[in-house]
Amino acid sequence: MHYPRFLLFNAAGGLVWGAGFVLLGFLAGNSYEAVAKAAGRDITAAVVAVAVIAFIVWRVRKARRERRASAPVPGSAPAPEQ
């Protein structure tokens, strides 16, 4: 992705994120602390879930890559016995 496009999407995402939390705080009124705590907990859970999924995907891809690297090439002669 080219940098100007990335910058545009990043800025738009930041504005939406910031406006969303300001609106959430306004609507929550006096219970802002409870909402902020719940949102923080939910965001933390989402980050942990993404990290676990990314780790699993990384391990599976690494195992497949290693299996492909050690597999014999079709049509090649077998390794000589020693």
Protein backbone atom coordinates (compact mmCIF):
# COMPACT_ATOMS: atom_id res chain seq x y z
CA MET A 1 0.00 0.00 0.00
CA HIS A 2 1.37 3.39 -0.93
CA TYR A 3 2.08 5.74 1.95
CA PRO A 4 -0.44 8.49 1.05
CA ARG A 5 -3.24 5.94 0.95
CA PHE A 6 -2.08 4.38 4.22
CA LEU A 7 -1.90 7.83 5.82
CA LEU A 8 -5.45 8.62 4.69
CA PHE A 9 -6.87 5.36 6.10
CA ASN A 10 -4.83 5.68 9.30
CA ALA A 11 -6.05 9.24 9.89
CA ALA A 12 -9.65 8.26 9.15
CA GLY A 13 -9.41 5.31 11.52
CA GLY A 14 -7.94 7.50 14.25
CA LEU A 15 -10.73 10.03 13.87
CA VAL A 16 -13.41 7.35 14.01
CA TRP A 17 -11.76 5.70 17.03
CA GLY A 18 -11.40 8.99 18.89
CA ALA A 19 -14.90 10.21 18.07
CA GLY A 20 -16.33 6.84 19.06
CA PHE A 21 -14.76 6.92 22.50
CA VAL A 22 -15.73 10.56 23.05
CA LEU A 23 -19.31 9.72 22.07
CA LEU A 24 -19.24 6.64 24.27
CA GLY A 25 -18.07 8.79 27.20
CA PHE A 26 -20.74 11.40 26.54
CA LEU A 27 -23.51 8.82 26.36
CA ALA A 28 -22.25 6.96 29.42
CA GLY A 29 -22.38 10.11 31.53
CA ASN A 30 -21.42 9.42 35.12
CA SER A 31 -20.73 5.76 34.48
CA TYR A 32 -17.76 6.56 32.18
CA GLU A 33 -15.30 4.73 34.45
CA ALA A 34 -17.31 1.50 34.24
CA VAL A 35 -17.60 1.80 30.45
CA ALA A 36 -13.88 2.59 30.06
CA LYS A 37 -12.98 -0.41 32.22
CA ALA A 38 -15.26 -2.73 30.22
CA ALA A 39 -13.97 -1.37 26.89
CA GLY A 40 -10.38 -1.77 28.05
CA ARG A 41 -11.05 -5.36 29.10
CA ASP A 42 -12.74 -6.15 25.79
CA ILE A 43 -9.92 -4.58 23.76
CA THR A 44 -7.35 -6.53 25.76
CA ALA A 45 -9.25 -9.77 25.12
CA ALA A 46 -9.41 -9.00 21.40
CA VAL A 47 -5.67 -8.26 21.23
CA VAL A 48 -4.86 -11.51 23.05
CA ALA A 49 -7.15 -13.48 20.72
CA VAL A 50 -5.53 -11.97 17.63
CA ALA A 51 -2.06 -12.72 19.02
CA VAL A 52 -2.95 -16.37 19.72
CA ILE A 53 -4.47 -16.80 16.25
CA ALA A 54 -1.43 -15.17 14.64
CA PHE A 55 0.90 -17.50 16.57
CA ILE A 56 -1.07 -20.58 15.49
CA VAL A 57 -1.09 -19.47 11.85
CA TRP A 58 2.67 -18.77 12.02
CA ARG A 59 3.39 -22.24 13.46
CA VAL A 60 1.22 -24.02 10.89
CA ARG A 61 2.82 -22.14 8.00
CA LYS A 62 6.30 -22.83 9.38
CA ALA A 63 5.55 -26.55 9.70
CA ARG A 64 4.22 -26.68 6.13
CA ARG A 65 7.26 -24.83 4.82
CA GLU A 66 9.62 -27.24 6.62
CA ARG A 67 7.67 -30.25 5.33
CA ARG A 68 7.85 -28.93 1.76
CA ALA A 69 11.59 -28.28 2.10
CA SER A 70 12.30 -31.83 3.30
CA ALA A 71 10.02 -33.57 0.77
CA PRO A 72 11.77 -35.21 -2.19
CA VAL A 73 11.41 -33.51 -5.56
CA PRO A 74 9.23 -35.59 -7.92
CA GLY A 75 11.26 -37.20 -10.71
CA SER A 76 14.59 -36.97 -8.91
CA ALA A 77 16.78 -39.94 -8.10
CA PRO A 78 16.58 -41.32 -4.56
CA ALA A 79 19.44 -40.50 -2.20
CA PRO A 80 22.26 -43.11 -2.30
CA GLU A 81 22.48 -45.51 0.61
CA GLN A 82 25.61 -45.30 2.76
